[in-house]
Amino acid sequence: MVQQKTILRALAGETLPTPPIWMMRQAGRYLPEYRATRAQAGDFLSLCYNSELAAEVTLQPIRRYGFDASILFADILLLPQALGADLWFVTGEGPRLSTIQSDADFQALKPADAVHDKLSPIYETVKILRQELPSETTLIGFAGAPWTVATYMIAGRGTPDQGPAHALKDSNPELFQSVIDLLVEGTIQYLSEQIKAGAEVIKLFDSWAGSLKGADFDRYALEPTKRIISALKAMYPDTPIIAFPRGAGERYIGFAEATGADCVAFDDSVTAEWAAEHMQGQGCVQGNLASSHMVTGGDALVSETQRIVNALRKGPHIFNLGHGITPDADPENVQLMIDTVRSA
């Protein structure tokens, strides 16, 4: 059955007549069943650490839509919390963390192997999902890439330009590199445990990679991703890995070859036609319908979906959004997207 899963076939380089499809943040606030389960859990972090409920929200979009893959419900900031950062969520505003601004702040963190026990509920969620997912549905595990996670750890929250992280890497590059190195090692352990528990594919989300330019992109986006993939491939050579350096622009070109990724996801700041010309020759690509279409729907959603499928028809392609679905999306538009992909 494993060889028949369409996501795995695409990741292995096969060009399929209909691209497999899943959606970033497909388990989330746009679904009424998710909101009900989150209310049952009490708060967001309690939901993440409750293995039964986290598995339930992971399964909800599979039951509703029949996506070709499910992605583990968790959060990229569970890793810094496991490393000793304080983490909490402010309603309507998002995550907050204790900050790293000095060597003393960094020394207060735990070593990378701390993630093993702290994140054991996440691995239990993976085990539950492998038992409960339909046999044709691929299970994707994930983590945030080191640069993106570091931006939150340094600023203590999301920022529009990742300014605090840029300031620290420029003013104290040794400290900043120590943060990256710790996150690389912690991420390797975290993802290897997910694979051990049953994740069939891994995705690395570098949501803020686009704010890195020139040598900084190589040093803090490309190199950490390469180190993580190399370590995971040494342990689990048959587990495909999707890299998502969002906002990379021209730097998408060659990213798969440089890092060892089996697939590169691309955002909607570049076109599918551009990706077909510059990326797809190196292997599978994933993308890239603008998330706004999940809100507005209609003929524009259909025509854009058809355009993307047609542009990438000549090579391996996994259909997805250019970023995560937003809470104001209409669930009926998701179904329209799926129907359009599967009939294109």
C-alpha atoms as a PDB file:
ATOM      1  CA  MET A   1       0.000   0.000   0.000  1.00  0.00           C
ATOM      2  CA  VAL A   2       2.867   2.377   0.765  1.00  0.00           C
ATOM      3  CA  GLN A   3       3.952   2.380  -2.875  1.00  0.00           C
ATOM      4  CA  GLN A   4       0.424   3.261  -3.975  1.00  0.00           C
ATOM      5  CA  LYS A   5       0.198   6.468  -1.928  1.00  0.00           C
ATOM      6  CA  THR A   6       0.145   9.307  -4.399  1.00  0.00           C
ATOM      7  CA  ILE A   7       2.133  11.761  -2.269  1.00  0.00           C
ATOM      8  CA  LEU A   8       4.976   9.265  -1.941  1.00  0.00           C
ATOM      9  CA  ARG A   9       4.891   8.569  -5.665  1.00  0.00           C
ATOM     10  CA  ALA A  10       5.173  12.278  -6.460  1.00  0.00           C
ATOM     11  CA  LEU A  11       7.971  12.710  -3.927  1.00  0.00           C
ATOM     12  CA  ALA A  12       9.818   9.846  -5.589  1.00  0.00           C
ATOM     13  CA  GLY A  13       9.756  11.846  -8.831  1.00  0.00           C
ATOM     14  CA  GLU A  14       6.751  10.330 -10.584  1.00  0.00           C
ATOM     15  CA  THR A  15       4.607  12.576 -12.792  1.00  0.00           C
ATOM     16  CA  LEU A  16       1.000  11.702 -12.054  1.00  0.00           C
ATOM     17  CA  PRO A  17      -2.040  12.470 -14.236  1.00  0.00           C
ATOM     18  CA  THR A  18      -3.725  14.121 -11.227  1.00  0.00           C
ATOM     19  CA  PRO A  19      -1.498  15.791  -8.641  1.00  0.00           C
ATOM     20  CA  PRO A  20      -2.002  14.678  -5.047  1.00  0.00           C
ATOM     21  CA  ILE A  21      -3.341  17.419  -2.819  1.00  0.00           C
ATOM     22  CA  TRP A  22      -3.181  18.560   0.771  1.00  0.00           C
ATOM     23  CA  MET A  23      -3.258  22.002   2.342  1.00  0.00           C
ATOM     24  CA  MET A  24      -1.047  23.796   4.833  1.00  0.00           C
ATOM     25  CA  ARG A  25      -2.926  24.434   8.106  1.00  0.00           C
ATOM     26  CA  GLN A  26      -5.698  22.174   6.829  1.00  0.00           C
ATOM     27  CA  ALA A  27      -6.598  21.339  10.450  1.00  0.00           C
ATOM     28  CA  GLY A  28      -7.508  24.703  11.864  1.00  0.00           C
ATOM     29  CA  ARG A  29      -9.795  27.543  12.740  1.00  0.00           C
ATOM     30  CA  TYR A  30     -11.698  27.681   9.441  1.00  0.00           C
ATOM     31  CA  LEU A  31     -13.391  24.380  10.394  1.00  0.00           C
ATOM     32  CA  PRO A  32     -16.250  24.384  12.912  1.00  0.00           C
ATOM     33  CA  GLU A  33     -15.288  20.912  14.138  1.00  0.00           C
ATOM     34  CA  TYR A  34     -11.794  22.191  14.945  1.00  0.00           C
ATOM     35  CA  ARG A  35     -13.168  25.096  16.953  1.00  0.00           C
ATOM     36  CA  ALA A  36     -15.338  22.688  18.931  1.00  0.00           C
ATOM     37  CA  THR A  37     -12.394  20.402  19.722  1.00  0.00           C
ATOM     38  CA  ARG A  38     -10.188  23.332  20.719  1.00  0.00           C
ATOM     39  CA  ALA A  39     -12.900  24.514  23.099  1.00  0.00           C
ATOM     40  CA  GLN A  40     -12.971  21.025  24.575  1.00  0.00           C
ATOM     41  CA  ALA A  41      -9.185  21.138  25.085  1.00  0.00           C
ATOM     42  CA  GLY A  42      -9.375  24.504  26.843  1.00  0.00           C
ATOM     43  CA  ASP A  43      -6.551  26.320  25.076  1.00  0.00           C
ATOM     44  CA  PHE A  44      -4.197  25.930  22.138  1.00  0.00           C
ATOM     45  CA  LEU A  45      -1.216  24.424  23.966  1.00  0.00           C
ATOM     46  CA  SER A  46      -3.433  21.973  25.829  1.00  0.00           C
ATOM     47  CA  LEU A  47      -4.757  20.859  22.454  1.00  0.00           C
ATOM     48  CA  CYS A  48      -1.234  20.355  21.095  1.00  0.00           C
ATOM     49  CA  TYR A  49      -0.179  18.233  24.077  1.00  0.00           C
ATOM     50  CA  ASN A  50      -3.385  16.166  24.292  1.00  0.00           C
ATOM     51  CA  SER A  51      -2.503  13.310  21.959  1.00  0.00           C
ATOM     52  CA  GLU A  52      -6.070  12.085  21.479  1.00  0.00           C
ATOM     53  CA  LEU A  53      -7.468  15.533  20.691  1.00  0.00           C
ATOM     54  CA  ALA A  54      -4.483  16.502  18.508  1.00  0.00           C
ATOM     55  CA  ALA A  55      -5.045  13.322  16.520  1.00  0.00           C
ATOM     56  CA  GLU A  56      -8.741  14.169  16.256  1.00  0.00           C
ATOM     57  CA  VAL A  57      -8.134  17.600  14.724  1.00  0.00           C
ATOM     58  CA  THR A  58      -5.541  16.104  12.365  1.00  0.00           C
ATOM     59  CA  LEU A  59      -8.163  13.637  11.152  1.00  0.00           C
ATOM     60  CA  GLN A  60     -10.988  16.168  10.749  1.00  0.00           C
ATOM     61  CA  PRO A  61      -9.998  17.537   7.311  1.00  0.00           C
ATOM     62  CA  ILE A  62      -9.307  13.998   6.100  1.00  0.00           C
ATOM     63  CA  ARG A  63     -12.831  12.916   7.020  1.00  0.00           C
ATOM     64  CA  ARG A  64     -14.345  16.036   5.491  1.00  0.00           C
ATOM     65  CA  TYR A  65     -12.319  16.319   2.290  1.00  0.00           C
ATOM     66  CA  GLY A  66     -10.311  13.149   1.680  1.00  0.00           C
ATOM     67  CA  PHE A  67      -6.970  14.926   1.221  1.00  0.00           C
ATOM     68  CA  ASP A  68      -4.122  12.716   0.022  1.00  0.00           C
ATOM     69  CA  ALA A  69      -2.055  13.621   3.090  1.00  0.00           C
ATOM     70  CA  SER A  70      -2.589  14.663   6.670  1.00  0.00           C
ATOM     71  CA  ILE A  71      -0.127  16.816   8.567  1.00  0.00           C
ATOM     72  CA  LEU A  72       0.462  16.317  12.254  1.00  0.00           C
ATOM     73  CA  PHE A  73      -1.310  18.935  14.361  1.00  0.00           C
ATOM     74  CA  ALA A  74       1.318  20.680  16.488  1.00  0.00           C
ATOM     75  CA  ASP A  75       3.139  24.024  16.483  1.00  0.00           C
ATOM     76  CA  ILE A  76       6.666  25.024  15.488  1.00  0.00           C
ATOM     77  CA  LEU A  77       7.164  26.704  18.880  1.00  0.00           C
ATOM     78  CA  LEU A  78       6.805  23.486  20.882  1.00  0.00           C
ATOM     79  CA  LEU A  79      10.487  22.857  20.140  1.00  0.00           C
ATOM     80  CA  PRO A  80      11.805  26.038  21.815  1.00  0.00           C
ATOM     81  CA  GLN A  81       9.479  25.349  24.720  1.00  0.00           C
ATOM     82  CA  ALA A  82      11.050  21.898  25.053  1.00  0.00           C
ATOM     83  CA  LEU A  83      14.451  23.613  25.055  1.00  0.00           C
ATOM     84  CA  GLY A  84      13.427  25.691  28.061  1.00  0.00           C
ATOM     85  CA  ALA A  85      11.804  28.798  26.593  1.00  0.00           C
ATOM     86  CA  ASP A  86       8.625  30.032  28.244  1.00  0.00           C
ATOM     87  CA  LEU A  87       5.732  29.843  25.775  1.00  0.00           C
ATOM     88  CA  TRP A  88       2.186  31.113  26.003  1.00  0.00           C
ATOM     89  CA  PHE A  89      -0.492  32.297  23.592  1.00  0.00           C
ATOM     90  CA  VAL A  90      -2.369  35.588  23.794  1.00  0.00           C
ATOM     91  CA  THR A  91      -5.920  35.355  22.450  1.00  0.00           C
ATOM     92  CA  GLY A  92      -6.242  37.268  19.214  1.00  0.00           C
ATOM     93  CA  GLU A  93      -2.538  38.109  19.093  1.00  0.00           C
ATOM     94  CA  GLY A  94      -0.635  34.821  18.860  1.00  0.00           C
ATOM     95  CA  PRO A  95       2.401  33.305  20.570  1.00  0.00           C
ATOM     96  CA  ARG A  96       4.686  34.879  23.140  1.00  0.00           C
ATOM     97  CA  LEU A  97       8.047  33.521  24.283  1.00  0.00           C
ATOM     98  CA  SER A  98      10.756  34.475  26.711  1.00  0.00           C
ATOM     99  CA  THR A  99      13.495  36.149  24.686  1.00  0.00           C
ATOM    100  CA  ILE A 100      17.146  35.411  23.934  1.00  0.00           C
ATOM    101  CA  GLN A 101      19.112  38.647  23.965  1.00  0.00           C
ATOM    102  CA  SER A 102      22.310  37.691  25.753  1.00  0.00           C
ATOM    103  CA  ASP A 103      24.709  34.822  26.349  1.00  0.00           C
ATOM    104  CA  ALA A 104      23.117  34.322  29.771  1.00  0.00           C
ATOM    105  CA  ASP A 105      19.696  33.879  28.150  1.00  0.00           C
ATOM    106  CA  PHE A 106      21.144  31.234  25.870  1.00  0.00           C
ATOM    107  CA  GLN A 107      22.966  29.417  28.664  1.00  0.00           C
ATOM    108  CA  ALA A 108      19.648  29.081  30.507  1.00  0.00           C
ATOM    109  CA  LEU A 109      18.291  26.872  27.715  1.00  0.00           C
ATOM    110  CA  LYS A 110      18.393  23.089  27.889  1.00  0.00           C
ATOM    111  CA  PRO A 111      20.502  20.813  25.666  1.00  0.00           C
ATOM    112  CA  ALA A 112      19.049  19.427  22.449  1.00  0.00           C
ATOM    113  CA  ASP A 113      18.219  16.022  23.910  1.00  0.00           C
ATOM    114  CA  ALA A 114      15.646  17.668  26.199  1.00  0.00           C
ATOM    115  CA  VAL A 115      13.159  17.456  23.339  1.00  0.00           C
ATOM    116  CA  HIS A 116      12.917  13.679  23.691  1.00  0.00           C
ATOM    117  CA  ASP A 117      10.823  13.551  26.855  1.00  0.00           C
ATOM    118  CA  LYS A 118       9.109  16.939  26.711  1.00  0.00           C
ATOM    119  CA  LEU A 119       7.651  16.248  23.281  1.00  0.00           C
ATOM    120  CA  SER A 120       6.635  12.638  23.901  1.00  0.00           C
ATOM    121  CA  PRO A 121       2.901  13.547  23.604  1.00  0.00           C
ATOM    122  CA  ILE A 122       3.580  14.659  20.026  1.00  0.00           C
ATOM    123  CA  TYR A 123       5.103  11.297  19.162  1.00  0.00           C
ATOM    124  CA  GLU A 124       2.094   9.600  20.729  1.00  0.00           C
ATOM    125  CA  THR A 125      -0.151  11.657  18.422  1.00  0.00           C
ATOM    126  CA  VAL A 126       1.826  10.333  15.448  1.00  0.00           C
ATOM    127  CA  LYS A 127       1.342   6.742  16.642  1.00  0.00           C
ATOM    128  CA  ILE A 128      -2.408   7.249  17.008  1.00  0.00           C
ATOM    129  CA  LEU A 129      -2.632   8.735  13.527  1.00  0.00           C
ATOM    130  CA  ARG A 130      -0.807   5.834  11.910  1.00  0.00           C
ATOM    131  CA  GLN A 131      -3.469   3.574  13.369  1.00  0.00           C
ATOM    132  CA  GLU A 132      -6.473   5.722  12.466  1.00  0.00           C
ATOM    133  CA  LEU A 133      -5.670   7.333   9.120  1.00  0.00           C
ATOM    134  CA  PRO A 134      -7.066   5.715   5.969  1.00  0.00           C
ATOM    135  CA  SER A 135      -4.556   3.389   4.371  1.00  0.00           C
ATOM    136  CA  GLU A 136      -4.234   5.638   1.303  1.00  0.00           C
ATOM    137  CA  THR A 137      -3.466   8.798   3.296  1.00  0.00           C
ATOM    138  CA  THR A 138       0.151   9.852   3.868  1.00  0.00           C
ATOM    139  CA  LEU A 139       1.136  11.173   7.296  1.00  0.00           C
ATOM    140  CA  ILE A 140       3.398  14.239   7.253  1.00  0.00           C
ATOM    141  CA  GLY A 141       5.439  15.256  10.301  1.00  0.00           C
ATOM    142  CA  PHE A 142       7.026  18.682  10.517  1.00  0.00           C
ATOM    143  CA  ALA A 143       9.103  21.252  12.326  1.00  0.00           C
ATOM    144  CA  GLY A 144       9.996  24.888  11.873  1.00  0.00           C
ATOM    145  CA  ALA A 145      13.373  25.518  10.281  1.00  0.00           C
ATOM    146  CA  PRO A 146      16.014  26.994  12.627  1.00  0.00           C
ATOM    147  CA  TRP A 147      16.009  30.539  11.216  1.00  0.00           C
ATOM    148  CA  THR A 148      12.235  30.904  11.532  1.00  0.00           C
ATOM    149  CA  VAL A 149      12.110  29.412  15.030  1.00  0.00           C
ATOM    150  CA  ALA A 150      15.050  31.604  16.076  1.00  0.00           C
ATOM    151  CA  THR A 151      13.197  34.752  14.980  1.00  0.00           C
ATOM    152  CA  TYR A 152      10.452  33.983  17.504  1.00  0.00           C
ATOM    153  CA  MET A 153      12.885  33.013  20.253  1.00  0.00           C
ATOM    154  CA  ILE A 154      14.838  36.255  19.899  1.00  0.00           C
ATOM    155  CA  ALA A 155      11.900  38.657  19.497  1.00  0.00           C
ATOM    156  CA  GLY A 156       9.554  36.798  21.847  1.00  0.00           C
ATOM    157  CA  ARG A 157       6.797  36.993  19.232  1.00  0.00           C
ATOM    158  CA  GLY A 158       6.176  37.211  15.518  1.00  0.00           C
ATOM    159  CA  THR A 159       7.425  40.416  13.891  1.00  0.00           C
ATOM    160  CA  PRO A 160       6.739  41.907  10.451  1.00  0.00           C
ATOM    161  CA  ASP A 161      10.387  42.050   9.383  1.00  0.00           C
ATOM    162  CA  GLN A 162      12.198  39.706  11.808  1.00  0.00           C
ATOM    163  CA  GLY A 163      14.154  42.788  12.872  1.00  0.00           C
ATOM    164  CA  PRO A 164      15.284  41.572  16.321  1.00  0.00           C
ATOM    165  CA  ALA A 165      16.783  38.384  14.852  1.00  0.00           C
ATOM    166  CA  HIS A 166      18.577  40.342  12.132  1.00  0.00           C
ATOM    167  CA  ALA A 167      19.922  42.722  14.763  1.00  0.00           C
ATOM    168  CA  LEU A 168      21.282  39.906  16.935  1.00  0.00           C
ATOM    169  CA  LYS A 169      22.929  38.034  14.051  1.00  0.00           C
ATOM    170  CA  ASP A 170      24.659  41.259  13.020  1.00  0.00           C
ATOM    171  CA  SER A 171      25.687  42.445  16.501  1.00  0.00           C
ATOM    172  CA  ASN A 172      26.553  39.074  18.068  1.00  0.00           C
ATOM    173  CA  PRO A 173      27.041  36.485  15.325  1.00  0.00           C
ATOM    174  CA  GLU A 174      28.608  33.969  17.720  1.00  0.00           C
ATOM    175  CA  LEU A 175      25.563  33.956  19.985  1.00  0.00           C
ATOM    176  CA  PHE A 176      23.215  33.847  17.026  1.00  0.00           C
ATOM    177  CA  GLN A 177      25.080  30.881  15.529  1.00  0.00           C
ATOM    178  CA  SER A 178      24.842  29.092  18.894  1.00  0.00           C
ATOM    179  CA  VAL A 179      21.070  29.504  18.785  1.00  0.00           C
ATOM    180  CA  ILE A 180      20.946  28.125  15.234  1.00  0.00           C
ATOM    181  CA  ASP A 181      23.202  25.189  16.137  1.00  0.00           C
ATOM    182  CA  LEU A 182      21.040  24.262  19.138  1.00  0.00           C
ATOM    183  CA  LEU A 183      17.922  24.416  16.986  1.00  0.00           C
ATOM    184  CA  VAL A 184      19.531  22.266  14.287  1.00  0.00           C
ATOM    185  CA  GLU A 185      20.368  19.551  16.834  1.00  0.00           C
ATOM    186  CA  GLY A 186      16.990  19.802  18.563  1.00  0.00           C
ATOM    187  CA  THR A 187      15.148  19.652  15.251  1.00  0.00           C
ATOM    188  CA  ILE A 188      17.062  16.555  14.160  1.00  0.00           C
ATOM    189  CA  GLN A 189      16.058  14.796  17.377  1.00  0.00           C
ATOM    190  CA  TYR A 190      12.455  15.996  17.177  1.00  0.00           C
ATOM    191  CA  LEU A 191      11.960  14.914  13.575  1.00  0.00           C
ATOM    192  CA  SER A 192      13.774  11.606  13.986  1.00  0.00           C
ATOM    193  CA  GLU A 193      11.361  10.765  16.815  1.00  0.00           C
ATOM    194  CA  GLN A 194       8.415  11.681  14.599  1.00  0.00           C
ATOM    195  CA  ILE A 195       9.707   9.343  11.897  1.00  0.00           C
ATOM    196  CA  LYS A 196      10.309   6.605  14.450  1.00  0.00           C
ATOM    197  CA  ALA A 197       6.700   7.016  15.625  1.00  0.00           C
ATOM    198  CA  GLY A 198       5.349   6.656  12.095  1.00  0.00           C
ATOM    199  CA  ALA A 199       5.624   9.910  10.098  1.00  0.00           C
ATOM    200  CA  GLU A 200       6.072   8.974   6.438  1.00  0.00           C
ATOM    201  CA  VAL A 201       7.166  12.388   5.148  1.00  0.00           C
ATOM    202  CA  ILE A 202       8.790  15.347   6.885  1.00  0.00           C
ATOM    203  CA  LYS A 203       8.308  19.017   6.077  1.00  0.00           C
ATOM    204  CA  LEU A 204      10.567  21.863   7.218  1.00  0.00           C
ATOM    205  CA  PHE A 205       8.786  25.213   7.379  1.00  0.00           C
ATOM    206  CA  ASP A 206      11.116  28.196   6.966  1.00  0.00           C
ATOM    207  CA  SER A 207       8.323  30.755   6.926  1.00  0.00           C
ATOM    208  CA  TRP A 208      10.640  33.787   7.212  1.00  0.00           C
ATOM    209  CA  ALA A 209      13.437  32.641   4.898  1.00  0.00           C
ATOM    210  CA  GLY A 210      12.560  35.426   2.483  1.00  0.00           C
ATOM    211  CA  SER A 211      13.935  38.092   4.835  1.00  0.00           C
ATOM    212  CA  LEU A 212      17.432  36.612   4.484  1.00  0.00           C
ATOM    213  CA  LYS A 213      19.519  37.910   1.593  1.00  0.00           C
ATOM    214  CA  GLY A 214      22.780  36.892  -0.052  1.00  0.00           C
ATOM    215  CA  ALA A 215      25.260  35.097   2.178  1.00  0.00           C
ATOM    216  CA  ASP A 216      22.826  35.261   5.103  1.00  0.00           C
ATOM    217  CA  PHE A 217      20.362  33.119   3.150  1.00  0.00           C
ATOM    218  CA  ASP A 218      23.068  30.518   2.579  1.00  0.00           C
ATOM    219  CA  ARG A 219      24.282  30.624   6.174  1.00  0.00           C
ATOM    220  CA  TYR A 220      20.982  30.666   8.050  1.00  0.00           C
ATOM    221  CA  ALA A 221      18.375  29.166   5.690  1.00  0.00           C
ATOM    222  CA  LEU A 222      20.154  26.811   3.335  1.00  0.00           C
ATOM    223  CA  GLU A 223      22.927  25.422   5.558  1.00  0.00           C
ATOM    224  CA  PRO A 224      20.755  24.538   8.612  1.00  0.00           C
ATOM    225  CA  THR A 225      18.237  22.851   6.311  1.00  0.00           C
ATOM    226  CA  LYS A 226      21.048  20.905   4.655  1.00  0.00           C
ATOM    227  CA  ARG A 227      22.405  19.782   8.052  1.00  0.00           C
ATOM    228  CA  ILE A 228      19.002  18.599   9.236  1.00  0.00           C
ATOM    229  CA  ILE A 229      18.214  16.741   6.017  1.00  0.00           C
ATOM    230  CA  SER A 230      21.651  15.129   5.910  1.00  0.00           C
ATOM    231  CA  ALA A 231      21.291  13.826   9.468  1.00  0.00           C
ATOM    232  CA  LEU A 232      17.759  12.528   8.917  1.00  0.00           C
ATOM    233  CA  LYS A 233      18.695  10.860   5.633  1.00  0.00           C
ATOM    234  CA  ALA A 234      21.591   9.102   7.354  1.00  0.00           C
ATOM    235  CA  MET A 235      19.107   7.557   9.787  1.00  0.00           C
ATOM    236  CA  TYR A 236      16.048   7.244   7.552  1.00  0.00           C
ATOM    237  CA  PRO A 237      17.193   7.284   3.915  1.00  0.00           C
ATOM    238  CA  ASP A 238      13.755   6.333   2.592  1.00  0.00           C
ATOM    239  CA  THR A 239      11.822   9.145   4.311  1.00  0.00           C
ATOM    240  CA  PRO A 240      11.114  11.995   1.869  1.00  0.00           C
ATOM    241  CA  ILE A 241      11.628  15.571   3.063  1.00  0.00           C
ATOM    242  CA  ILE A 242       9.860  18.690   1.796  1.00  0.00           C
ATOM    243  CA  ALA A 243      11.604  22.031   2.320  1.00  0.00           C
ATOM    244  CA  PHE A 244       9.674  25.303   2.313  1.00  0.00           C
ATOM    245  CA  PRO A 245      11.923  28.392   2.269  1.00  0.00           C
ATOM    246  CA  ARG A 246       8.975  30.765   1.878  1.00  0.00           C
ATOM    247  CA  GLY A 247       9.735  33.986   0.060  1.00  0.00           C
ATOM    248  CA  ALA A 248      13.013  32.674  -1.373  1.00  0.00           C
ATOM    249  CA  GLY A 249      12.299  34.013  -4.868  1.00  0.00           C
ATOM    250  CA  GLU A 250      15.243  33.322  -7.162  1.00  0.00           C
ATOM    251  CA  ARG A 251      16.841  31.314  -4.351  1.00  0.00           C
ATOM    252  CA  TYR A 252      14.262  28.581  -4.865  1.00  0.00           C
ATOM    253  CA  ILE A 253      16.413  27.653  -7.856  1.00  0.00           C
ATOM    254  CA  GLY A 254      18.842  24.926  -6.802  1.00  0.00           C
ATOM    255  CA  PHE A 255      17.532  24.705  -3.240  1.00  0.00           C
ATOM    256  CA  ALA A 256      16.577  21.029  -3.545  1.00  0.00           C
ATOM    257  CA  GLU A 257      19.980  20.055  -4.917  1.00  0.00           C
ATOM    258  CA  ALA A 258      21.861  22.162  -2.360  1.00  0.00           C
ATOM    259  CA  THR A 259      19.991  20.808   0.671  1.00  0.00           C
ATOM    260  CA  GLY A 260      19.109  17.251  -0.331  1.00  0.00           C
ATOM    261  CA  ALA A 261      15.367  17.931  -0.131  1.00  0.00           C
ATOM    262  CA  ASP A 262      13.133  15.601  -2.122  1.00  0.00           C
ATOM    263  CA  CYS A 263      10.683  18.418  -2.822  1.00  0.00           C
ATOM    264  CA  VAL A 264      10.621  22.194  -2.498  1.00  0.00           C
ATOM    265  CA  ALA A 265       7.362  23.940  -1.689  1.00  0.00           C
ATOM    266  CA  PHE A 266       7.009  27.420  -3.148  1.00  0.00           C
ATOM    267  CA  ASP A 267       4.792  30.337  -2.220  1.00  0.00           C
ATOM    268  CA  ASP A 268       2.537  32.411  -4.456  1.00  0.00           C
ATOM    269  CA  SER A 269       5.027  35.252  -4.934  1.00  0.00           C
ATOM    270  CA  VAL A 270       6.336  33.277  -7.918  1.00  0.00           C
ATOM    271  CA  THR A 271       4.189  31.707 -10.609  1.00  0.00           C
ATOM    272  CA  ALA A 272       3.632  28.032 -11.293  1.00  0.00           C
ATOM    273  CA  GLU A 273       4.979  28.624 -14.798  1.00  0.00           C
ATOM    274  CA  TRP A 274       8.201  30.005 -13.307  1.00  0.00           C
ATOM    275  CA  ALA A 275       8.458  26.997 -10.990  1.00  0.00           C
ATOM    276  CA  ALA A 276       7.950  24.620 -13.905  1.00  0.00           C
ATOM    277  CA  GLU A 277      10.815  26.283 -15.762  1.00  0.00           C
ATOM    278  CA  HIS A 278      13.276  26.804 -12.898  1.00  0.00           C
ATOM    279  CA  MET A 279      12.491  24.242 -10.182  1.00  0.00           C
ATOM    280  CA  GLN A 280      10.625  21.206 -11.453  1.00  0.00           C
ATOM    281  CA  GLY A 281      13.569  19.873 -13.418  1.00  0.00           C
ATOM    282  CA  GLN A 282      15.275  19.078 -10.096  1.00  0.00           C
ATOM    283  CA  GLY A 283      12.372  17.038  -8.742  1.00  0.00           C
ATOM    284  CA  CYS A 284       8.991  17.341  -7.121  1.00  0.00           C
ATOM    285  CA  VAL A 285       7.556  20.779  -6.362  1.00  0.00           C
ATOM    286  CA  GLN A 286       4.659  21.712  -4.107  1.00  0.00           C
ATOM    287  CA  GLY A 287       2.353  24.699  -4.466  1.00  0.00           C
ATOM    288  CA  ASN A 288       1.026  27.286  -4.895  1.00  0.00           C
ATOM    289  CA  LEU A 289      -2.567  28.639  -4.966  1.00  0.00           C
ATOM    290  CA  ALA A 290      -2.904  31.937  -3.086  1.00  0.00           C
ATOM    291  CA  SER A 291      -4.631  31.406   0.253  1.00  0.00           C
ATOM    292  CA  SER A 292      -6.956  34.313  -0.460  1.00  0.00           C
ATOM    293  CA  HIS A 293      -8.849  32.146  -2.949  1.00  0.00           C
ATOM    294  CA  MET A 294     -10.060  30.041  -0.035  1.00  0.00           C
ATOM    295  CA  VAL A 295     -11.867  33.168   1.184  1.00  0.00           C
ATOM    296  CA  THR A 296     -13.158  34.598  -2.089  1.00  0.00           C
ATOM    297  CA  GLY A 297     -13.877  31.394  -4.056  1.00  0.00           C
ATOM    298  CA  GLY A 298     -15.777  31.605  -7.331  1.00  0.00           C
ATOM    299  CA  ASP A 299     -14.531  31.507 -10.894  1.00  0.00           C
ATOM    300  CA  ALA A 300     -11.147  32.987  -9.959  1.00  0.00           C
ATOM    301  CA  LEU A 301     -10.443  30.063  -7.645  1.00  0.00           C
ATOM    302  CA  VAL A 302     -11.333  27.584 -10.377  1.00  0.00           C
ATOM    303  CA  SER A 303      -9.321  29.274 -13.122  1.00  0.00           C
ATOM    304  CA  GLU A 304      -6.231  29.774 -10.919  1.00  0.00           C
ATOM    305  CA  THR A 305      -6.349  26.171  -9.739  1.00  0.00           C
ATOM    306  CA  GLN A 306      -6.601  24.928 -13.315  1.00  0.00           C
ATOM    307  CA  ARG A 307      -3.746  27.181 -14.397  1.00  0.00           C
ATOM    308  CA  ILE A 308      -1.427  25.835 -11.687  1.00  0.00           C
ATOM    309  CA  VAL A 309      -2.273  22.206 -12.431  1.00  0.00           C
ATOM    310  CA  ASN A 310      -1.706  22.736 -16.152  1.00  0.00           C
ATOM    311  CA  ALA A 311       1.539  24.650 -15.680  1.00  0.00           C
ATOM    312  CA  LEU A 312       3.053  21.848 -13.602  1.00  0.00           C
ATOM    313  CA  ARG A 313       1.541  18.903 -15.453  1.00  0.00           C
ATOM    314  CA  LYS A 314       4.795  17.785 -17.073  1.00  0.00           C
ATOM    315  CA  GLY A 315       6.631  16.942 -13.855  1.00  0.00           C
ATOM    316  CA  PRO A 316       6.132  15.726 -10.294  1.00  0.00           C
ATOM    317  CA  HIS A 317       3.785  18.082  -8.432  1.00  0.00           C
ATOM    318  CA  ILE A 318       1.898  18.144  -5.138  1.00  0.00           C
ATOM    319  CA  PHE A 319      -0.930  20.672  -5.199  1.00  0.00           C
ATOM    320  CA  ASN A 320      -1.073  22.969  -2.171  1.00  0.00           C
ATOM    321  CA  LEU A 321      -1.550  26.576  -1.209  1.00  0.00           C
ATOM    322  CA  GLY A 322       1.232  29.157  -1.327  1.00  0.00           C
ATOM    323  CA  HIS A 323       0.949  29.439   2.458  1.00  0.00           C
ATOM    324  CA  GLY A 324      -1.447  28.255   5.161  1.00  0.00           C
ATOM    325  CA  ILE A 325      -5.222  28.545   4.907  1.00  0.00           C
ATOM    326  CA  THR A 326      -6.571  31.480   6.932  1.00  0.00           C
ATOM    327  CA  PRO A 327      -9.263  31.348   9.645  1.00  0.00           C
ATOM    328  CA  ASP A 328     -11.709  33.353   7.497  1.00  0.00           C
ATOM    329  CA  ALA A 329     -11.690  30.770   4.693  1.00  0.00           C
ATOM    330  CA  ASP A 330     -14.943  29.194   3.553  1.00  0.00           C
ATOM    331  CA  PRO A 331     -14.870  25.381   3.903  1.00  0.00           C
ATOM    332  CA  GLU A 332     -16.923  25.113   0.705  1.00  0.00           C
ATOM    333  CA  ASN A 333     -14.138  26.804  -1.240  1.00  0.00           C
ATOM    334  CA  VAL A 334     -11.740  24.093  -0.090  1.00  0.00           C
ATOM    335  CA  GLN A 335     -14.043  21.482  -1.587  1.00  0.00           C
ATOM    336  CA  LEU A 336     -14.265  23.483  -4.812  1.00  0.00           C
ATOM    337  CA  MET A 337     -10.464  23.587  -5.019  1.00  0.00           C
ATOM    338  CA  ILE A 338     -10.191  19.841  -4.493  1.00  0.00           C
ATOM    339  CA  ASP A 339     -12.879  19.082  -7.076  1.00  0.00           C
ATOM    340  CA  THR A 340     -11.149  21.362  -9.570  1.00  0.00           C
ATOM    341  CA  VAL A 341      -7.745  19.736  -9.071  1.00  0.00           C
ATOM    342  CA  ARG A 342      -9.171  16.254  -9.437  1.00  0.00           C
ATOM    343  CA  SER A 343     -11.100  17.100 -12.600  1.00  0.00           C
ATOM    344  CA  ALA A 344      -8.496  19.319 -14.250  1.00  0.00           C
END
